[in-house]
Protein backbone atom coordinates (compact mmCIF):
# COMPACT_ATOMS: atom_id res chain seq x y z
CA MET A 1 137.31 0.15 88.28
CA GLY A 2 134.25 -1.16 90.15
CA ALA A 3 132.59 -2.13 86.88
CA ILE A 4 135.69 -3.98 85.73
CA VAL A 5 135.88 -5.92 88.99
CA ARG A 6 132.19 -6.82 88.83
CA MET A 7 132.63 -7.99 85.24
CA GLY A 8 135.53 -10.15 86.33
CA LEU A 9 133.52 -11.71 89.11
CA ALA A 10 130.57 -12.29 86.80
CA HIS A 11 132.89 -13.98 84.32
CA LEU A 12 134.15 -16.31 87.03
CA ALA A 13 130.69 -17.04 88.40
CA GLY A 14 130.05 -19.55 85.61
CA PRO A 15 132.84 -22.06 86.15
CA PHE A 16 133.37 -21.32 89.87
CA ARG A 17 130.80 -20.78 92.60
CA LEU A 18 132.35 -18.39 95.14
CA SER A 19 131.18 -18.47 98.74
CA ARG A 20 130.19 -15.25 100.50
CA LYS A 21 133.29 -15.52 102.65
CA ILE A 22 135.62 -15.80 99.66
CA VAL A 23 134.11 -13.03 97.55
CA PRO A 24 135.38 -10.05 99.65
CA VAL A 25 138.93 -11.45 99.74
CA PHE A 26 138.90 -12.19 96.02
CA LEU A 27 137.44 -8.75 95.31
CA VAL A 28 140.37 -7.03 97.02
CA ALA A 29 142.99 -9.19 95.30
CA PHE A 30 141.37 -8.82 91.89
CA ALA A 31 141.13 -5.06 92.33
CA LEU A 32 144.82 -4.84 93.18
CA VAL A 33 145.79 -6.77 90.05
CA VAL A 34 143.58 -4.72 87.76
CA SER A 35 144.70 -1.48 89.40
CA ALA A 36 148.39 -2.38 89.05
CA ALA A 37 148.12 -3.54 85.46
CA GLY A 38 145.69 -0.90 84.28
CA GLY A 39 147.40 1.96 86.06
CA ALA A 40 150.95 1.06 85.19
CA SER A 41 151.13 3.29 82.14
CA ALA A 42 149.72 6.21 84.16
CA ASN A 43 152.35 5.81 86.89
CA PRO A 44 155.49 7.84 85.99
CA LYS A 45 157.65 5.63 88.24
CA TYR A 46 156.51 2.36 86.73
CA ALA A 47 158.73 0.00 84.75
CA GLY A 48 158.20 -3.68 84.09
CA LEU A 49 159.99 -6.52 82.34
CA VAL A 50 159.71 -10.29 82.02
CA ILE A 51 162.67 -12.21 80.53
CA ASP A 52 162.76 -15.85 79.49
CA ALA A 53 165.64 -17.10 81.67
CA LYS A 54 166.49 -19.87 79.19
CA THR A 55 166.68 -17.85 75.98
CA GLY A 56 166.89 -14.21 77.06
CA LYS A 57 163.80 -13.37 75.02
CA THR A 58 161.77 -10.41 76.28
CA LEU A 59 158.24 -11.62 77.02
CA TYR A 60 156.94 -8.31 78.39
CA ALA A 61 158.40 -4.81 78.61
CA ASP A 62 157.12 -1.40 79.67
CA ASN A 63 159.62 1.43 80.26
CA ALA A 64 162.24 -1.32 80.61
CA ASP A 65 165.14 0.95 79.59
CA ALA A 66 164.04 4.11 81.38
CA TYR A 67 166.13 5.30 84.30
CA ARG A 68 164.77 4.35 87.72
CA TYR A 69 166.07 4.35 91.28
CA PRO A 70 167.01 0.83 92.43
CA ALA A 71 166.45 1.38 96.17
CA SER A 72 167.30 -1.89 97.96
CA LEU A 73 167.59 -3.77 94.68
CA THR A 74 171.10 -2.31 95.03
CA LYS A 75 171.80 -5.09 97.51
CA MET A 76 171.59 -7.60 94.67
CA MET A 77 174.89 -6.20 93.42
CA THR A 78 176.28 -6.00 96.96
CA LEU A 79 175.54 -9.71 97.28
CA TYR A 80 176.96 -10.45 93.82
CA MET A 81 180.25 -8.94 94.98
CA VAL A 82 180.14 -11.03 98.17
CA PHE A 83 179.45 -14.20 96.17
CA GLU A 84 182.31 -13.36 93.82
CA ALA A 85 184.71 -12.96 96.75
CA LEU A 86 183.51 -16.28 98.17
CA SER A 87 183.85 -18.07 94.85
CA SER A 88 187.41 -16.85 94.39
CA GLY A 89 188.41 -17.93 97.90
CA ARG A 90 189.25 -14.41 99.06
CA ILE A 91 186.78 -14.76 101.93
CA SER A 92 184.80 -17.60 103.51
CA LEU A 93 181.33 -17.81 105.04
CA GLY A 94 182.97 -17.67 108.47
CA THR A 95 185.05 -14.55 107.76
CA ARG A 96 184.15 -11.82 110.23
CA ILE A 97 183.23 -8.37 108.90
CA PRO A 98 184.11 -5.42 111.17
CA VAL A 99 181.42 -2.83 111.87
CA SER A 100 182.31 0.87 111.71
CA ARG A 101 180.48 3.73 113.39
CA LYS A 102 179.17 4.77 109.99
CA ALA A 103 177.72 1.32 109.33
CA ALA A 104 176.14 1.09 112.77
CA ALA A 105 174.53 4.54 112.33
CA GLU A 106 172.74 3.76 109.03
CA PRO A 107 168.96 4.30 109.19
CA PRO A 108 166.51 1.38 109.05
CA SER A 109 165.94 -1.14 107.75
CA LYS A 110 168.71 -2.59 109.94
CA ILE A 111 169.52 -5.33 112.46
CA GLY A 112 171.24 -3.09 115.01
CA LEU A 113 174.93 -3.84 114.48
CA ARG A 114 177.18 -2.15 117.03
CA ALA A 115 180.29 -0.17 116.13
CA GLY A 116 183.42 -2.14 116.93
CA GLY A 117 181.62 -5.46 116.61
CA THR A 118 181.70 -7.99 113.79
CA ILE A 119 179.31 -10.14 111.79
CA THR A 120 180.12 -13.27 109.80
CA VAL A 121 179.83 -13.23 106.04
CA GLU A 122 177.07 -15.85 106.15
CA ASN A 123 174.98 -13.86 108.63
CA ALA A 124 175.58 -10.75 106.55
CA ILE A 125 174.22 -12.53 103.47
CA LYS A 126 171.10 -13.64 105.33
CA ALA A 127 170.55 -10.18 106.80
CA LEU A 128 170.76 -8.59 103.34
CA VAL A 129 168.45 -11.15 101.75
CA THR A 130 165.75 -11.10 104.44
CA LYS A 131 165.79 -7.86 106.41
CA SER A 132 167.53 -5.84 103.67
CA ALA A 133 169.70 -4.42 106.44
CA ASN A 134 171.38 -1.12 105.60
CA ASP A 135 173.88 -1.34 108.47
CA VAL A 136 175.04 -4.69 107.14
CA ALA A 137 175.28 -3.40 103.56
CA THR A 138 177.58 -0.56 104.60
CA ALA A 139 179.76 -2.88 106.68
CA VAL A 140 180.08 -5.22 103.69
CA GLY A 141 180.93 -2.35 101.36
CA GLU A 142 183.62 -0.99 103.64
CA PHE A 143 185.00 -4.50 104.13
CA LEU A 144 185.24 -5.42 100.46
CA GLY A 145 186.06 -1.99 99.08
CA GLY A 146 188.12 -0.26 101.77
CA SER A 147 185.39 2.39 101.88
CA GLU A 148 181.80 2.51 100.76
CA ASP A 149 182.69 4.96 97.98
CA GLY A 150 185.39 2.59 96.77
CA PHE A 151 182.96 -0.30 96.89
CA ALA A 152 180.39 1.67 94.90
CA ARG A 153 182.97 2.17 92.16
CA LEU A 154 183.64 -1.57 92.14
CA MET A 155 179.89 -2.24 91.95
CA THR A 156 179.51 0.10 89.01
CA GLU A 157 182.46 -1.40 87.17
CA LYS A 158 181.11 -4.89 87.73
CA ALA A 159 177.67 -3.79 86.52
CA HIS A 160 179.17 -2.50 83.28
CA GLN A 161 181.14 -5.71 82.84
CA LEU A 162 177.86 -7.61 83.10
CA GLY A 163 176.32 -5.43 80.39
CA MET A 164 174.35 -3.20 82.78
CA SER A 165 175.37 -0.12 80.84
CA ARG A 166 172.72 2.22 82.27
CA THR A 167 173.47 1.50 85.94
CA THR A 168 175.50 3.60 88.38
CA PHE A 169 175.93 2.77 92.05
CA LYS A 170 176.89 5.30 94.70
CA ASN A 171 176.35 3.23 97.83
CA ALA A 172 175.96 -0.38 98.92
CA HIS A 173 172.43 -0.21 100.35
CA GLY A 174 170.19 1.82 98.04
CA LEU A 175 169.27 4.64 100.40
CA PRO A 176 168.45 7.86 98.50
CA ASP A 177 171.10 9.23 96.15
CA SER A 178 169.94 11.00 92.99
CA ARG A 179 173.00 9.73 91.10
CA GLN A 180 172.26 6.06 91.82
CA LYS A 181 170.20 4.87 88.87
CA THR A 182 169.41 1.75 86.90
CA THR A 183 166.77 0.28 84.60
CA ALA A 184 164.40 -2.65 84.80
CA ARG A 185 166.38 -4.40 82.07
CA ASP A 186 169.66 -3.94 83.95
CA MET A 187 168.09 -5.34 87.12
CA ALA A 188 166.79 -8.36 85.20
CA ARG A 189 170.28 -8.88 83.82
CA LEU A 190 171.70 -8.79 87.33
CA GLY A 191 169.11 -11.31 88.47
CA LEU A 192 170.14 -13.63 85.64
CA ALA A 193 173.83 -13.12 86.47
CA LEU A 194 173.26 -14.06 90.11
CA ARG A 195 171.58 -17.29 89.03
CA GLU A 196 174.12 -18.18 86.35
CA HIS A 197 177.39 -17.11 87.92
CA HIS A 198 176.80 -18.07 91.56
CA PRO A 199 174.49 -21.10 91.73
CA LYS A 200 176.32 -22.28 94.86
CA TYR A 201 175.18 -19.21 96.79
CA TYR A 202 172.02 -18.20 94.92
CA GLY A 203 169.92 -20.41 97.22
CA TYR A 204 170.30 -17.84 100.00
CA PHE A 205 167.70 -15.72 98.18
CA SER A 206 165.02 -18.25 99.13
CA THR A 207 165.73 -17.83 102.88
CA ARG A 208 162.34 -17.30 104.54
CA SER A 209 163.60 -16.04 107.88
CA PHE A 210 166.81 -15.27 109.76
CA THR A 211 167.51 -15.13 113.49
CA TYR A 212 170.22 -12.82 114.81
CA GLY A 213 170.83 -11.42 118.27
CA GLY A 214 167.78 -13.26 119.55
CA ARG A 215 165.44 -11.65 117.01
CA ARG A 216 163.79 -13.29 114.04
CA TYR A 217 163.62 -11.39 110.74
CA GLY A 218 161.23 -12.47 107.98
CA ASN A 219 161.96 -12.08 104.29
CA HIS A 220 160.47 -8.92 102.75
CA ASN A 221 159.73 -10.88 99.57
CA ARG A 222 156.14 -11.98 100.19
CA LEU A 223 155.98 -14.04 97.00
CA LEU A 224 158.27 -16.69 98.48
CA GLY A 225 156.14 -19.65 99.42
CA ARG A 226 152.99 -18.02 98.03
CA VAL A 227 153.60 -18.15 94.28
CA LYS A 228 154.63 -21.50 92.87
CA GLY A 229 158.20 -21.63 91.62
CA VAL A 230 159.42 -18.32 93.11
CA ASP A 231 162.95 -18.76 94.50
CA GLY A 232 163.92 -15.09 95.16
CA ILE A 233 165.21 -12.42 94.53
CA LYS A 234 164.84 -8.95 96.14
CA THR A 235 162.47 -6.16 97.11
CA GLY A 236 163.22 -2.45 97.43
CA TYR A 237 161.59 0.84 98.39
CA ILE A 238 162.44 4.49 98.81
CA ARG A 239 160.02 7.33 98.21
CA ALA A 240 161.72 8.32 94.96
CA SER A 241 161.56 4.81 93.51
CA GLY A 242 158.25 3.43 94.68
CA PHE A 243 157.98 -0.27 95.45
CA ASN A 244 160.41 -2.44 93.47
CA LEU A 245 160.71 -6.19 93.08
CA VAL A 246 162.91 -8.56 91.07
CA THR A 247 161.57 -12.11 90.99
CA SER A 248 162.98 -15.39 89.73
CA VAL A 249 160.66 -18.30 88.95
CA VAL A 250 161.50 -21.88 88.02
CA ASP A 251 158.39 -23.97 87.36
CA GLY A 252 158.82 -27.27 85.58
CA ASN A 253 160.85 -26.72 82.41
CA ARG A 254 160.10 -23.01 82.26
CA SER A 255 161.95 -20.17 83.97
CA VAL A 256 161.68 -16.38 83.95
CA VAL A 257 163.16 -13.37 85.70
CA ALA A 258 160.70 -10.50 86.13
CA VAL A 259 161.03 -6.92 87.34
CA VAL A 260 158.42 -4.47 88.62
CA MET A 261 159.59 -0.99 89.59
CA GLY A 262 157.64 1.97 90.91
CA GLY A 263 154.71 0.18 92.51
CA ARG A 264 152.37 2.43 94.48
CA SER A 265 152.28 -0.03 97.39
CA GLY A 266 153.85 -3.31 98.35
CA ALA A 267 150.55 -5.11 97.92
CA SER A 268 149.81 -3.71 94.44
CA ARG A 269 153.39 -4.40 93.35
CA ASN A 270 153.12 -8.01 94.51
CA ALA A 271 149.74 -8.44 92.86
CA HIS A 272 151.01 -7.02 89.57
CA MET A 273 154.09 -9.24 89.67
CA THR A 274 151.90 -12.27 90.34
CA ASP A 275 149.75 -11.37 87.35
CA LEU A 276 152.80 -10.93 85.10
CA LEU A 277 154.09 -14.35 86.12
CA ARG A 278 150.70 -15.94 85.55
CA ARG A 279 150.46 -14.45 82.06
CA TYR A 280 154.01 -14.83 80.79
CA LEU A 281 155.53 -17.89 82.43
CA PRO A 282 153.47 -20.19 80.16
CA LYS A 283 155.04 -18.39 77.16
CA ALA A 284 158.61 -19.14 78.27
CA SER A 285 160.76 -21.71 76.48
CA THR A 286 161.05 -25.32 77.64
CA GLY A 287 164.36 -25.81 75.83
CA ARG A 288 167.86 -26.14 77.22
CA ASP A 289 169.42 -23.52 79.46
CA ARG A 290 171.85 -21.05 77.93
CA LEU A 291 174.46 -18.80 79.48
CA LEU A 292 172.86 -15.38 79.00
CA VAL A 293 175.14 -13.06 80.97
CA ALA A 294 178.87 -13.24 80.29
CA ASP A 295 181.20 -11.67 82.83
CA LYS A 296 183.19 -9.81 80.20
CA GLY A 297 185.77 -8.21 82.43
CA GLY A 298 186.36 -10.70 85.22
CA THR A 299 187.27 -9.33 88.62
CA PRO A 300 188.11 -5.60 88.43
CA ALA A 301 191.88 -5.33 88.52
CA PHE A 302 192.11 -3.01 91.47
CA VAL A 303 189.90 -5.11 93.74
CA ALA A 304 192.77 -7.57 93.99
CA GLY A 305 194.72 -5.62 96.58
CA MET A 306 191.79 -5.22 98.92
CA ILE A 307 191.58 -8.57 100.60
CA PRO A 308 194.28 -10.83 102.00
CA GLY A 309 194.27 -14.09 100.14
CA ASN A 310 193.28 -12.78 96.75
CA GLN A 311 195.11 -12.31 93.50
CA VAL A 312 197.12 -9.21 92.71
CA PRO A 313 196.53 -6.98 89.70
CA LEU A 314 197.91 -7.46 86.23
CA PRO A 315 199.42 -4.29 84.73
CA THR A 316 197.96 -3.16 81.44
CA SER A 317 201.24 -2.74 79.56
CA ARG A 318 204.81 -3.96 79.77
CA PRO A 319 207.36 -1.65 81.39
CA GLN A 320 209.96 -0.18 79.10
CA ALA A 321 212.67 -0.56 81.72
CA PRO A 322 213.10 -2.87 84.71
CA ALA A 323 211.15 -1.60 87.68
CA PRO A 324 210.30 -3.03 91.08
CA VAL A 325 206.58 -2.81 90.23
CA VAL A 326 205.00 -1.49 87.06
CA THR A 327 203.42 1.96 87.13
CA ALA A 328 200.15 0.95 85.47
CA TYR A 329 198.71 -0.27 88.75
CA ALA A 330 199.56 2.95 90.58
CA ALA A 331 197.86 5.02 87.89
CA GLU A 332 194.87 2.72 87.81
CA THR A 333 194.31 2.92 91.56
CA ALA A 334 194.99 6.62 92.06
CA ALA A 335 191.29 7.22 92.68
CA THR A 336 190.63 4.01 94.59
CA VAL A 337 193.28 2.95 97.07
CA PRO A 338 193.05 -0.80 97.70
CA MET A 339 192.77 -1.68 101.36
CA PRO A 340 193.08 -5.10 102.95
CA LEU A 341 190.71 -6.69 105.39
CA VAL A 342 192.45 -7.19 108.70
CA GLU A 343 191.32 -8.19 112.14
CA PRO A 344 188.71 -5.81 113.66
CA LYS A 345 189.96 -2.67 115.40
CA ARG A 346 193.26 -2.63 113.48
CA PRO A 347 193.67 0.29 111.10
CA PRO A 348 193.47 -0.89 107.49
CA GLN A 349 196.78 -0.98 105.63
CA PRO A 350 197.69 -1.83 102.04
CA VAL A 351 198.12 -5.55 101.46
CA ASP A 352 200.87 -5.13 98.91
CA PRO A 353 201.91 -1.48 98.57
CA VAL A 354 202.84 -0.26 95.11
CA ARG A 355 205.41 2.35 94.22
CA THR A 356 205.92 4.22 91.00
CA ALA A 357 208.90 3.62 88.74
CA SER A 358 209.44 7.24 87.74
CA THR A 359 208.82 10.69 89.13
CA THR A 360 206.44 11.46 86.28
CA ALA A 361 203.92 8.81 87.21
CA ALA A 362 200.54 9.80 88.63
CA PRO A 363 200.77 10.62 92.36
CA VAL A 364 199.61 7.97 94.77
CA THR A 365 198.02 8.67 98.13
CA ALA A 366 200.06 8.19 101.27
CA ALA A 367 198.18 4.97 102.09
CA VAL A 368 199.83 3.24 99.17
CA GLN A 369 203.39 4.49 99.41
CA ALA A 370 206.38 2.42 98.42
CA GLU A 371 207.30 -0.72 100.33
CA PRO A 372 210.83 -1.85 99.43
CA GLU A 373 211.02 -5.29 97.92
CA PRO A 374 212.24 -7.73 100.60
CA GLN A 375 215.88 -8.66 100.23
CA PRO A 376 216.82 -12.33 100.38
CA ALA A 377 218.65 -13.39 103.49
CA ALA A 378 222.30 -14.42 103.28
CA GLY A 379 222.57 -17.83 101.69
CA SER A 380 218.95 -17.74 100.53
CA ARG A 381 218.04 -20.10 97.73
CA LEU A 382 214.96 -18.14 96.70
CA PRO A 383 214.69 -17.53 92.94
CA SER A 384 216.21 -14.32 91.67
CA GLY A 385 215.52 -12.32 88.51
CA TRP A 386 211.97 -11.90 87.26
CA VAL A 387 209.15 -13.51 89.24
CA VAL A 388 205.37 -13.64 88.93
CA GLN A 389 203.26 -12.83 91.99
CA VAL A 390 199.73 -14.23 92.25
CA ALA A 391 198.63 -13.43 95.81
CA SER A 392 199.31 -11.85 99.20
CA MET A 393 198.08 -13.98 102.08
CA PRO A 394 197.76 -13.49 105.84
CA SER A 395 199.75 -16.68 106.53
CA ASP A 396 202.56 -18.65 104.92
CA ALA A 397 200.41 -21.80 104.86
CA GLU A 398 197.65 -20.02 102.93
CA ALA A 399 200.17 -18.56 100.49
CA ARG A 400 201.65 -22.00 99.80
CA ALA A 401 198.19 -23.54 99.45
CA PHE A 402 197.32 -20.84 96.93
CA LEU A 403 200.47 -21.59 94.96
CA ASP A 404 199.59 -25.28 94.85
CA ALA A 405 195.98 -24.62 93.84
CA THR A 406 197.05 -22.21 91.10
CA LYS A 407 199.54 -24.69 89.69
CA ASP A 408 196.90 -27.43 89.67
CA GLN A 409 194.46 -25.12 87.92
CA VAL A 410 196.72 -24.10 85.02
CA GLY A 411 198.24 -27.46 84.13
CA THR A 412 201.62 -27.30 82.41
CA LEU A 413 201.80 -23.50 82.27
CA LEU A 414 203.75 -23.33 85.55
CA ALA A 415 205.34 -26.77 85.32
CA GLN A 416 208.87 -25.34 85.17
CA ALA A 417 208.25 -22.52 87.66
CA THR A 418 209.25 -22.65 91.31
CA GLY A 419 206.70 -21.53 93.85
CA PHE A 420 207.92 -19.69 96.93
CA THR A 421 206.75 -17.20 99.55
CA GLU A 422 208.19 -13.97 100.91
CA THR A 423 207.03 -11.89 103.83
CA PHE A 424 206.63 -8.16 104.24
CA GLU A 425 205.28 -6.11 107.09
CA LYS A 426 203.04 -3.08 106.98
CA GLY A 427 201.45 -1.33 109.91
CA GLY A 428 202.51 -4.07 112.28
CA VAL A 429 200.81 -6.76 110.16
CA THR A 430 202.83 -9.44 108.37
CA TYR A 431 201.73 -10.64 104.91
CA HIS A 432 203.02 -13.46 102.75
CA ARG A 433 203.54 -13.02 99.02
CA ALA A 434 202.84 -16.06 96.85
CA ARG A 435 205.27 -16.01 93.90
CA TYR A 436 206.68 -18.14 91.10
CA GLY A 437 210.30 -17.86 89.97
CA GLY A 438 212.64 -19.51 87.53
CA PHE A 439 211.85 -17.38 84.46
CA ALA A 440 214.69 -16.89 82.00
CA SER A 441 213.81 -13.28 81.19
CA LYS A 442 211.43 -10.42 81.74
CA ASP A 443 209.48 -11.40 78.62
CA ALA A 444 209.07 -14.97 79.87
CA ALA A 445 207.63 -13.72 83.14
CA TRP A 446 205.30 -11.29 81.40
CA ASP A 447 204.14 -13.92 78.90
CA THR A 448 203.36 -16.31 81.73
CA CYS A 449 201.45 -13.62 83.61
CA ASN A 450 199.39 -12.80 80.51
CA ALA A 451 198.60 -16.50 80.08
CA LEU A 452 197.50 -16.69 83.72
CA LYS A 453 195.22 -13.72 83.22
CA ARG A 454 193.55 -15.44 80.28
CA LYS A 455 192.74 -18.25 82.68
CA GLY A 456 191.17 -15.81 85.12
CA ILE A 457 194.15 -15.54 87.51
CA SER A 458 195.38 -12.01 88.20
CA CYS A 459 199.10 -11.46 88.67
CA TYR A 460 202.03 -9.17 88.03
CA ALA A 461 205.66 -9.69 87.02
CA VAL A 462 208.40 -8.05 89.07
CA ALA A 463 212.20 -8.15 89.28
CA ARG A 464 213.66 -9.19 92.63
């Protein structure tokens, strides 16, 4: 190693004259780069990948498809799920996330959330990006998924929809779990998906620092501001994984996403990443951008019932006989009971409970037992027959606004339908169903719902 470094310095002595003060600093940096690059193949935890972000072409790969532990790279998917909820309007940056005892008790890295408190979605994003806070990650997972286990299943399903076929998530933060695995290629794909699918929120990854509770937290990604063109994304470390880093670079007309996993130290990982960018960014395309990561499945169907203000799930098959609600949803959610997000300190309750249509259907947990369909009041002019439901909202105004926005989005598809709202109460909390009526038959309602799904709007048809 010493000989290699001396040769490197001798090679640079011709075109550059290095002062005595600079030589020791350069010697250390050069040694780190050579050590990282030369020792990568000898490191059993190492994996590396550089992808042209315009074409998807692999510019460099080493163990790119071998299983590795993601550590805090997991939070990239946690943030993807947050961005997806923001983009769909199910939450806002000002929405407050309740903090459970479990979340508050997570080990560092953390920002010291207190059980029973709350944190806004925007502060949660910044805490995940900069401090990589485990307490925040758990709070987010419980908020969006009803439980962290439920959220992990959503994360895994979303990963597979994005083409990350070798990735499994078991928690929202990346703390040790031998079943939580991924690959460098899957992490690069997630990095691309974050850039492509959520450009409105991707800029949070370039946040240099974040102040919360009177304390300032710097970003763990040391390449920000030090390597030209780096705009994120995420670092990670547990003992089993080594030091991980996913980096996005946009420099002029060229752009790459690069992954280094299994570094022996943060410094050597950063030096190796810097060297990969130096070598392979010039080889990237200068052509037009292409959409490289298609979201094949859209929002997982059973996430719809978890948050007030979101869409409700579309059953997978038509019922053979009229039923208050189709059984497909109950069977689909038997393992993951959808929970709403309500004000802090209230026990979570189902947003829109689902009941089975026959005694042979798969059993559903008590948390999602039948809620009778509301009966119209005497003299009510609400539509009868088959209706299509698109949302359950915490207020009538939000439900009506959602109806208007949906109608605007789909053009003539709902031109002849009548939007209306109905309330139901569960656990002392009142919710407002957003529905369309005026369908001549069950088939007409189902056909409309299928057409809405093709436009990315979840729904279900029900007789009232």
